[in-house]
Amino acid sequence: MPDLASPTFWIAVLQIIAIDILLGGDNAVVIALACRKLPDEQRKKGIFWGVVGAIGLRIALIYFALQLLAVPYLKIVGGLLLFWIGIKLVIPEDEEAHGDVATSATLAGAIKTIIVADAVMSIDNVIAVAAASHGSIVLVVFGIAVSIPIVVWGSKLVLLLMDRYPVVITAGGGLLGWIGGGMLLTDPTVPASWREILPYSTYLVSAVGALVVVAVGTLLAGRHHEQHPSSELAAPSGEELMEGKPK
């Protein structure tokens, strides 16, 4: 059992919650789009059961990811993947990113869409949460249990904050870079003596990882804006997507 009085436990919990919120914005949009054709009295049921199924599937995927992280070299691969995920988070998405989300006029169809879409879209979330949990399934369950309701029922606020304050997205990318950097030094193939060369080497590598993700992501985001100067104006806002009224 984890030590609930340990600051490390609560730091990891906060990291998992932040990851789920930052990487769960897309999932909140998918939930809204999948349920938008349901009658009003069925929307809450569609959201509830869709999210329950998605949570169960995600926990199962993370459990297997935790086992895989003990395999040599996979933490190095996972750390590099987190760098890429963090960079992608900082770069603006294409405006048609959610255009192929299926909608359904039936409750069962909407629930199926939510679960399938969440499974497909949650690979980045699974890797990041598995890394932040340090092998503890208790941390995984606790973090997801707290963050999923925030994403679902506070999705409008989460999406609007991300749209209005880009620094939130940049900070999230930096967090993923920090976790990815830490993973590189904890792979079973990395000798423990390497971590003793410099004091606080894990923190230093984590900080470098965060800086790399933010710097590369910001550079690529600037190039994206130069190539698509009107994309932000043409893209539907988070609130419009939640209401099912894209431009």
C-alpha atoms as a PDB file:
ATOM      1  CA  MET A   1       0.000   0.000   0.000  1.00  0.00           C
ATOM      2  CA  PRO A   2       1.293   3.489  -0.796  1.00  0.00           C
ATOM      3  CA  ASP A   3       2.113   5.887   2.012  1.00  0.00           C
ATOM      4  CA  LEU A   4      -0.760   8.388   1.980  1.00  0.00           C
ATOM      5  CA  ALA A   5       1.263  10.739   4.177  1.00  0.00           C
ATOM      6  CA  SER A   6       4.128  10.863   1.682  1.00  0.00           C
ATOM      7  CA  PRO A   7       4.486  14.052  -0.404  1.00  0.00           C
ATOM      8  CA  THR A   8       5.698  11.846  -3.281  1.00  0.00           C
ATOM      9  CA  PHE A   9       2.325  10.081  -3.369  1.00  0.00           C
ATOM     10  CA  TRP A  10       0.361  13.323  -3.630  1.00  0.00           C
ATOM     11  CA  ILE A  11       2.752  14.823  -6.198  1.00  0.00           C
ATOM     12  CA  ALA A  12       2.186  11.750  -8.364  1.00  0.00           C
ATOM     13  CA  VAL A  13      -1.592  12.054  -7.857  1.00  0.00           C
ATOM     14  CA  LEU A  14      -1.502  15.700  -8.964  1.00  0.00           C
ATOM     15  CA  GLN A  15       0.573  14.752 -12.025  1.00  0.00           C
ATOM     16  CA  ILE A  16      -1.931  12.056 -13.017  1.00  0.00           C
ATOM     17  CA  ILE A  17      -4.867  14.447 -12.570  1.00  0.00           C
ATOM     18  CA  ALA A  18      -3.099  17.113 -14.655  1.00  0.00           C
ATOM     19  CA  ILE A  19      -2.295  14.581 -17.392  1.00  0.00           C
ATOM     20  CA  ASP A  20      -5.880  13.318 -17.526  1.00  0.00           C
ATOM     21  CA  ILE A  21      -7.280  16.840 -17.708  1.00  0.00           C
ATOM     22  CA  LEU A  22      -4.820  18.058 -20.357  1.00  0.00           C
ATOM     23  CA  LEU A  23      -5.009  14.942 -22.522  1.00  0.00           C
ATOM     24  CA  GLY A  24      -8.702  14.383 -21.791  1.00  0.00           C
ATOM     25  CA  GLY A  25      -9.989  17.511 -23.500  1.00  0.00           C
ATOM     26  CA  ASP A  26     -10.346  15.611 -26.773  1.00  0.00           C
ATOM     27  CA  ASN A  27     -12.188  12.824 -24.985  1.00  0.00           C
ATOM     28  CA  ALA A  28     -14.649  15.322 -23.532  1.00  0.00           C
ATOM     29  CA  VAL A  29     -15.356  16.650 -27.031  1.00  0.00           C
ATOM     30  CA  VAL A  30     -15.854  13.108 -28.348  1.00  0.00           C
ATOM     31  CA  ILE A  31     -18.329  12.381 -25.540  1.00  0.00           C
ATOM     32  CA  ALA A  32     -20.287  15.511 -26.416  1.00  0.00           C
ATOM     33  CA  LEU A  33     -20.304  14.749 -30.145  1.00  0.00           C
ATOM     34  CA  ALA A  34     -21.269  11.103 -29.649  1.00  0.00           C
ATOM     35  CA  CYS A  35     -24.277  12.037 -27.502  1.00  0.00           C
ATOM     36  CA  ARG A  36     -25.472  15.149 -29.263  1.00  0.00           C
ATOM     37  CA  LYS A  37     -28.211  13.357 -31.266  1.00  0.00           C
ATOM     38  CA  LEU A  38     -29.667  11.598 -28.232  1.00  0.00           C
ATOM     39  CA  PRO A  39     -32.915  12.842 -26.702  1.00  0.00           C
ATOM     40  CA  ASP A  40     -32.303  15.096 -23.685  1.00  0.00           C
ATOM     41  CA  GLU A  41     -33.466  12.453 -21.205  1.00  0.00           C
ATOM     42  CA  GLN A  42     -30.913   9.941 -22.550  1.00  0.00           C
ATOM     43  CA  ARG A  43     -27.869  12.200 -22.811  1.00  0.00           C
ATOM     44  CA  LYS A  44     -26.902  11.900 -19.150  1.00  0.00           C
ATOM     45  CA  LYS A  45     -27.254   8.118 -19.325  1.00  0.00           C
ATOM     46  CA  GLY A  46     -25.147   7.995 -22.493  1.00  0.00           C
ATOM     47  CA  ILE A  47     -22.415  10.120 -20.918  1.00  0.00           C
ATOM     48  CA  PHE A  48     -22.479   8.173 -17.636  1.00  0.00           C
ATOM     49  CA  TRP A  49     -22.316   4.642 -19.063  1.00  0.00           C
ATOM     50  CA  GLY A  50     -19.945   5.642 -21.835  1.00  0.00           C
ATOM     51  CA  VAL A  51     -17.544   7.115 -19.293  1.00  0.00           C
ATOM     52  CA  VAL A  52     -17.869   4.097 -16.964  1.00  0.00           C
ATOM     53  CA  GLY A  53     -16.931   1.770 -19.819  1.00  0.00           C
ATOM     54  CA  ALA A  54     -14.108   4.038 -20.950  1.00  0.00           C
ATOM     55  CA  ILE A  55     -12.673   4.268 -17.417  1.00  0.00           C
ATOM     56  CA  GLY A  56     -12.722   0.486 -16.981  1.00  0.00           C
ATOM     57  CA  LEU A  57     -11.005  -0.067 -20.331  1.00  0.00           C
ATOM     58  CA  ARG A  58      -8.413   2.628 -19.629  1.00  0.00           C
ATOM     59  CA  ILE A  59      -7.496   1.196 -16.211  1.00  0.00           C
ATOM     60  CA  ALA A  60      -7.039  -2.240 -17.821  1.00  0.00           C
ATOM     61  CA  LEU A  61      -4.767  -0.758 -20.512  1.00  0.00           C
ATOM     62  CA  ILE A  62      -2.718   1.130 -17.915  1.00  0.00           C
ATOM     63  CA  TYR A  63      -2.370  -2.035 -15.805  1.00  0.00           C
ATOM     64  CA  PHE A  64      -0.764  -3.821 -18.758  1.00  0.00           C
ATOM     65  CA  ALA A  65       1.363  -0.757 -19.490  1.00  0.00           C
ATOM     66  CA  LEU A  66       2.692  -0.858 -15.918  1.00  0.00           C
ATOM     67  CA  GLN A  67       3.825  -4.452 -16.437  1.00  0.00           C
ATOM     68  CA  LEU A  68       5.481  -3.600 -19.748  1.00  0.00           C
ATOM     69  CA  LEU A  69       7.462  -0.720 -18.246  1.00  0.00           C
ATOM     70  CA  ALA A  70       9.516  -3.278 -16.318  1.00  0.00           C
ATOM     71  CA  VAL A  71      10.818  -4.694 -19.624  1.00  0.00           C
ATOM     72  CA  PRO A  72      14.328  -3.441 -20.560  1.00  0.00           C
ATOM     73  CA  TYR A  73      14.458  -0.455 -22.946  1.00  0.00           C
ATOM     74  CA  LEU A  74      10.699   0.143 -22.854  1.00  0.00           C
ATOM     75  CA  LYS A  75      11.052   3.016 -20.397  1.00  0.00           C
ATOM     76  CA  ILE A  76      13.480   4.663 -22.806  1.00  0.00           C
ATOM     77  CA  VAL A  77      10.994   4.191 -25.633  1.00  0.00           C
ATOM     78  CA  GLY A  78       8.177   5.405 -23.378  1.00  0.00           C
ATOM     79  CA  GLY A  79      10.150   8.484 -22.366  1.00  0.00           C
ATOM     80  CA  LEU A  80      10.815   9.401 -25.998  1.00  0.00           C
ATOM     81  CA  LEU A  81       7.125   8.846 -26.792  1.00  0.00           C
ATOM     82  CA  LEU A  82       6.203  11.223 -23.972  1.00  0.00           C
ATOM     83  CA  PHE A  83       8.481  13.865 -25.529  1.00  0.00           C
ATOM     84  CA  TRP A  84       6.591  13.487 -28.812  1.00  0.00           C
ATOM     85  CA  ILE A  85       3.187  13.492 -27.069  1.00  0.00           C
ATOM     86  CA  GLY A  86       4.158  16.661 -25.182  1.00  0.00           C
ATOM     87  CA  ILE A  87       5.296  18.359 -28.383  1.00  0.00           C
ATOM     88  CA  LYS A  88       2.052  17.383 -30.144  1.00  0.00           C
ATOM     89  CA  LEU A  89       0.101  18.824 -27.215  1.00  0.00           C
ATOM     90  CA  VAL A  90       1.745  22.224 -27.708  1.00  0.00           C
ATOM     91  CA  ILE A  91       1.159  22.260 -31.495  1.00  0.00           C
ATOM     92  CA  PRO A  92      -2.376  23.397 -32.498  1.00  0.00           C
ATOM     93  CA  GLU A  93      -4.624  20.626 -33.807  1.00  0.00           C
ATOM     94  CA  ASP A  94      -6.125  20.598 -37.271  1.00  0.00           C
ATOM     95  CA  GLU A  95      -9.623  21.978 -37.267  1.00  0.00           C
ATOM     96  CA  GLU A  96     -11.034  18.755 -38.747  1.00  0.00           C
ATOM     97  CA  ALA A  97      -9.545  16.587 -35.974  1.00  0.00           C
ATOM     98  CA  HIS A  98     -12.965  15.505 -34.693  1.00  0.00           C
ATOM     99  CA  GLY A  99     -14.865  15.638 -37.946  1.00  0.00           C
ATOM    100  CA  ASP A 100     -15.055  11.841 -38.281  1.00  0.00           C
ATOM    101  CA  VAL A 101     -16.561  11.152 -34.832  1.00  0.00           C
ATOM    102  CA  ALA A 102     -19.641   8.998 -35.293  1.00  0.00           C
ATOM    103  CA  THR A 103     -22.885  10.113 -33.723  1.00  0.00           C
ATOM    104  CA  SER A 104     -25.840   7.913 -32.865  1.00  0.00           C
ATOM    105  CA  ALA A 105     -29.503   8.411 -32.180  1.00  0.00           C
ATOM    106  CA  THR A 106     -29.546   5.381 -29.849  1.00  0.00           C
ATOM    107  CA  LEU A 107     -28.205   5.116 -26.315  1.00  0.00           C
ATOM    108  CA  ALA A 108     -26.278   1.878 -27.010  1.00  0.00           C
ATOM    109  CA  GLY A 109     -24.700   3.359 -30.133  1.00  0.00           C
ATOM    110  CA  ALA A 110     -23.510   6.477 -28.299  1.00  0.00           C
ATOM    111  CA  ILE A 111     -22.023   4.399 -25.464  1.00  0.00           C
ATOM    112  CA  LYS A 112     -20.193   2.186 -27.980  1.00  0.00           C
ATOM    113  CA  THR A 113     -18.816   5.239 -29.781  1.00  0.00           C
ATOM    114  CA  ILE A 114     -17.525   6.761 -26.535  1.00  0.00           C
ATOM    115  CA  ILE A 115     -15.779   3.560 -25.410  1.00  0.00           C
ATOM    116  CA  VAL A 116     -14.191   2.800 -28.803  1.00  0.00           C
ATOM    117  CA  ALA A 117     -13.090   6.396 -29.390  1.00  0.00           C
ATOM    118  CA  ASP A 118     -11.645   6.667 -25.883  1.00  0.00           C
ATOM    119  CA  ALA A 119      -9.660   3.462 -26.382  1.00  0.00           C
ATOM    120  CA  VAL A 120      -8.232   4.718 -29.683  1.00  0.00           C
ATOM    121  CA  MET A 121      -7.465   8.221 -28.394  1.00  0.00           C
ATOM    122  CA  SER A 122      -6.088   7.253 -24.972  1.00  0.00           C
ATOM    123  CA  ILE A 123      -2.756   5.676 -25.948  1.00  0.00           C
ATOM    124  CA  ASP A 124      -0.916   8.877 -25.059  1.00  0.00           C
ATOM    125  CA  ASN A 125      -2.851   9.131 -21.792  1.00  0.00           C
ATOM    126  CA  VAL A 126      -2.098   5.517 -20.879  1.00  0.00           C
ATOM    127  CA  ILE A 127       1.659   5.937 -21.410  1.00  0.00           C
ATOM    128  CA  ALA A 128       1.811   9.202 -19.481  1.00  0.00           C
ATOM    129  CA  VAL A 129      -0.267   8.010 -16.518  1.00  0.00           C
ATOM    130  CA  ALA A 130       1.676   4.733 -16.297  1.00  0.00           C
ATOM    131  CA  ALA A 131       4.913   6.724 -16.144  1.00  0.00           C
ATOM    132  CA  ALA A 132       3.628   9.159 -13.511  1.00  0.00           C
ATOM    133  CA  SER A 133       2.251   6.395 -11.277  1.00  0.00           C
ATOM    134  CA  HIS A 134       5.680   4.768 -10.703  1.00  0.00           C
ATOM    135  CA  GLY A 135       4.178   1.287 -10.916  1.00  0.00           C
ATOM    136  CA  SER A 136       1.295   1.820  -8.479  1.00  0.00           C
ATOM    137  CA  ILE A 137      -2.136   0.765  -9.750  1.00  0.00           C
ATOM    138  CA  VAL A 138      -3.623   2.438  -6.644  1.00  0.00           C
ATOM    139  CA  LEU A 139      -2.267   5.775  -7.872  1.00  0.00           C
ATOM    140  CA  VAL A 140      -3.684   5.095 -11.321  1.00  0.00           C
ATOM    141  CA  VAL A 141      -7.186   4.326 -10.070  1.00  0.00           C
ATOM    142  CA  PHE A 142      -7.186   7.237  -7.604  1.00  0.00           C
ATOM    143  CA  GLY A 143      -5.921   9.751 -10.147  1.00  0.00           C
ATOM    144  CA  ILE A 144      -8.381   8.692 -12.850  1.00  0.00           C
ATOM    145  CA  ALA A 145     -11.289   8.564 -10.395  1.00  0.00           C
ATOM    146  CA  VAL A 146     -10.634  12.196  -9.466  1.00  0.00           C
ATOM    147  CA  SER A 147      -9.839  13.563 -12.919  1.00  0.00           C
ATOM    148  CA  ILE A 148     -12.463  11.897 -15.141  1.00  0.00           C
ATOM    149  CA  PRO A 149     -15.428  13.671 -13.491  1.00  0.00           C
ATOM    150  CA  ILE A 150     -13.540  16.953 -13.915  1.00  0.00           C
ATOM    151  CA  VAL A 151     -13.023  16.272 -17.613  1.00  0.00           C
ATOM    152  CA  VAL A 152     -16.604  15.125 -18.254  1.00  0.00           C
ATOM    153  CA  TRP A 153     -18.695  17.472 -16.158  1.00  0.00           C
ATOM    154  CA  GLY A 154     -16.256  20.353 -16.323  1.00  0.00           C
ATOM    155  CA  SER A 155     -15.355  19.808 -19.963  1.00  0.00           C
ATOM    156  CA  LYS A 156     -16.723  23.163 -21.134  1.00  0.00           C
ATOM    157  CA  LEU A 157     -14.611  24.998 -18.565  1.00  0.00           C
ATOM    158  CA  VAL A 158     -11.528  22.873 -19.284  1.00  0.00           C
ATOM    159  CA  LEU A 159     -11.778  23.457 -23.038  1.00  0.00           C
ATOM    160  CA  LEU A 160     -12.426  27.181 -22.668  1.00  0.00           C
ATOM    161  CA  LEU A 161      -9.451  27.577 -20.308  1.00  0.00           C
ATOM    162  CA  MET A 162      -7.200  25.782 -22.776  1.00  0.00           C
ATOM    163  CA  ASP A 163      -8.456  28.001 -25.616  1.00  0.00           C
ATOM    164  CA  ARG A 164      -8.145  31.217 -23.623  1.00  0.00           C
ATOM    165  CA  TYR A 165      -4.859  30.551 -21.819  1.00  0.00           C
ATOM    166  CA  PRO A 166      -2.379  28.768 -24.133  1.00  0.00           C
ATOM    167  CA  VAL A 167       0.168  28.717 -21.289  1.00  0.00           C
ATOM    168  CA  VAL A 168      -1.892  25.896 -19.739  1.00  0.00           C
ATOM    169  CA  ILE A 169      -1.195  23.725 -22.786  1.00  0.00           C
ATOM    170  CA  THR A 170       2.481  24.689 -22.824  1.00  0.00           C
ATOM    171  CA  ALA A 171       2.813  23.832 -19.124  1.00  0.00           C
ATOM    172  CA  GLY A 172       1.161  20.479 -19.813  1.00  0.00           C
ATOM    173  CA  GLY A 173       3.652  19.725 -22.548  1.00  0.00           C
ATOM    174  CA  GLY A 174       6.458  20.622 -20.146  1.00  0.00           C
ATOM    175  CA  LEU A 175       4.997  18.236 -17.545  1.00  0.00           C
ATOM    176  CA  LEU A 176       5.045  15.368 -20.042  1.00  0.00           C
ATOM    177  CA  GLY A 177       8.631  16.243 -20.959  1.00  0.00           C
ATOM    178  CA  TRP A 178       9.551  16.236 -17.244  1.00  0.00           C
ATOM    179  CA  ILE A 179       8.025  12.773 -16.721  1.00  0.00           C
ATOM    180  CA  GLY A 180       9.597  11.466 -19.942  1.00  0.00           C
ATOM    181  CA  GLY A 181      13.040  12.701 -18.918  1.00  0.00           C
ATOM    182  CA  GLY A 182      12.726  10.964 -15.573  1.00  0.00           C
ATOM    183  CA  MET A 183      11.770   7.710 -17.309  1.00  0.00           C
ATOM    184  CA  LEU A 184      14.997   7.645 -19.328  1.00  0.00           C
ATOM    185  CA  LEU A 185      17.179   7.245 -16.237  1.00  0.00           C
ATOM    186  CA  THR A 186      14.952   4.657 -14.521  1.00  0.00           C
ATOM    187  CA  ASP A 187      15.036   2.082 -17.314  1.00  0.00           C
ATOM    188  CA  PRO A 188      16.367  -1.293 -16.056  1.00  0.00           C
ATOM    189  CA  THR A 189      19.196  -1.140 -18.595  1.00  0.00           C
ATOM    190  CA  VAL A 190      20.583   2.158 -17.253  1.00  0.00           C
ATOM    191  CA  PRO A 191      23.265   1.513 -14.593  1.00  0.00           C
ATOM    192  CA  ALA A 192      22.500   3.022 -11.190  1.00  0.00           C
ATOM    193  CA  SER A 193      26.012   4.520 -11.182  1.00  0.00           C
ATOM    194  CA  TRP A 194      24.945   6.877 -13.974  1.00  0.00           C
ATOM    195  CA  ARG A 195      22.477   8.539 -11.627  1.00  0.00           C
ATOM    196  CA  GLU A 196      25.268   9.122  -9.119  1.00  0.00           C
ATOM    197  CA  ILE A 197      27.522  11.047 -11.510  1.00  0.00           C
ATOM    198  CA  LEU A 198      25.663  14.308 -10.882  1.00  0.00           C
ATOM    199  CA  PRO A 199      23.711  15.287  -7.777  1.00  0.00           C
ATOM    200  CA  TYR A 200      19.969  15.252  -8.439  1.00  0.00           C
ATOM    201  CA  SER A 201      20.628  13.799 -11.899  1.00  0.00           C
ATOM    202  CA  THR A 202      17.030  12.576 -12.267  1.00  0.00           C
ATOM    203  CA  TYR A 203      15.695  16.093 -11.643  1.00  0.00           C
ATOM    204  CA  LEU A 204      18.225  17.580 -14.052  1.00  0.00           C
ATOM    205  CA  VAL A 205      17.315  15.166 -16.847  1.00  0.00           C
ATOM    206  CA  SER A 206      13.608  15.745 -16.129  1.00  0.00           C
ATOM    207  CA  ALA A 207      14.119  19.525 -16.357  1.00  0.00           C
ATOM    208  CA  VAL A 208      16.020  19.153 -19.640  1.00  0.00           C
ATOM    209  CA  GLY A 209      13.195  16.996 -20.979  1.00  0.00           C
ATOM    210  CA  ALA A 210      10.619  19.634 -20.050  1.00  0.00           C
ATOM    211  CA  LEU A 211      12.686  22.399 -21.679  1.00  0.00           C
ATOM    212  CA  VAL A 212      13.188  20.376 -24.866  1.00  0.00           C
ATOM    213  CA  VAL A 213       9.467  19.659 -25.236  1.00  0.00           C
ATOM    214  CA  VAL A 214       8.459  23.283 -24.588  1.00  0.00           C
ATOM    215  CA  ALA A 215      11.162  24.686 -26.907  1.00  0.00           C
ATOM    216  CA  VAL A 216      10.505  22.292 -29.804  1.00  0.00           C
ATOM    217  CA  GLY A 217       6.731  22.470 -29.364  1.00  0.00           C
ATOM    218  CA  THR A 218       6.762  26.275 -29.301  1.00  0.00           C
ATOM    219  CA  LEU A 219       8.990  26.412 -32.391  1.00  0.00           C
ATOM    220  CA  LEU A 220       6.753  24.020 -34.354  1.00  0.00           C
ATOM    221  CA  ALA A 221       3.616  25.807 -33.129  1.00  0.00           C
ATOM    222  CA  GLY A 222       5.029  29.085 -34.456  1.00  0.00           C
ATOM    223  CA  ARG A 223       5.697  27.495 -37.845  1.00  0.00           C
ATOM    224  CA  HIS A 224       2.186  26.004 -37.867  1.00  0.00           C
ATOM    225  CA  HIS A 225       0.708  29.436 -37.185  1.00  0.00           C
ATOM    226  CA  GLU A 226       2.744  30.959 -40.033  1.00  0.00           C
ATOM    227  CA  GLN A 227       1.564  28.280 -42.452  1.00  0.00           C
ATOM    228  CA  HIS A 228      -2.075  28.360 -41.255  1.00  0.00           C
ATOM    229  CA  PRO A 229      -2.666  31.915 -39.996  1.00  0.00           C
ATOM    230  CA  SER A 230      -6.456  31.606 -40.137  1.00  0.00           C
ATOM    231  CA  SER A 231      -6.783  28.127 -38.613  1.00  0.00           C
ATOM    232  CA  GLU A 232      -7.514  29.403 -35.122  1.00  0.00           C
ATOM    233  CA  LEU A 233     -10.251  31.654 -36.444  1.00  0.00           C
ATOM    234  CA  ALA A 234     -11.843  28.913 -38.516  1.00  0.00           C
ATOM    235  CA  ALA A 235     -11.727  26.192 -35.873  1.00  0.00           C
ATOM    236  CA  PRO A 236     -14.859  25.677 -33.768  1.00  0.00           C
ATOM    237  CA  SER A 237     -14.522  26.617 -30.129  1.00  0.00           C
ATOM    238  CA  GLY A 238     -14.731  24.072 -27.316  1.00  0.00           C
ATOM    239  CA  GLU A 239     -18.116  25.428 -26.255  1.00  0.00           C
ATOM    240  CA  GLU A 240     -19.533  25.124 -29.774  1.00  0.00           C
ATOM    241  CA  LEU A 241     -18.357  21.525 -30.007  1.00  0.00           C
ATOM    242  CA  MET A 242     -19.907  20.717 -26.649  1.00  0.00           C
ATOM    243  CA  GLU A 243     -23.210  22.105 -27.904  1.00  0.00           C
ATOM    244  CA  GLY A 244     -22.900  20.150 -31.134  1.00  0.00           C
ATOM    245  CA  LYS A 245     -22.886  23.285 -33.284  1.00  0.00           C
ATOM    246  CA  PRO A 246     -19.571  23.419 -35.142  1.00  0.00           C
ATOM    247  CA  LYS A 247     -19.106  26.301 -37.526  1.00  0.00           C
END
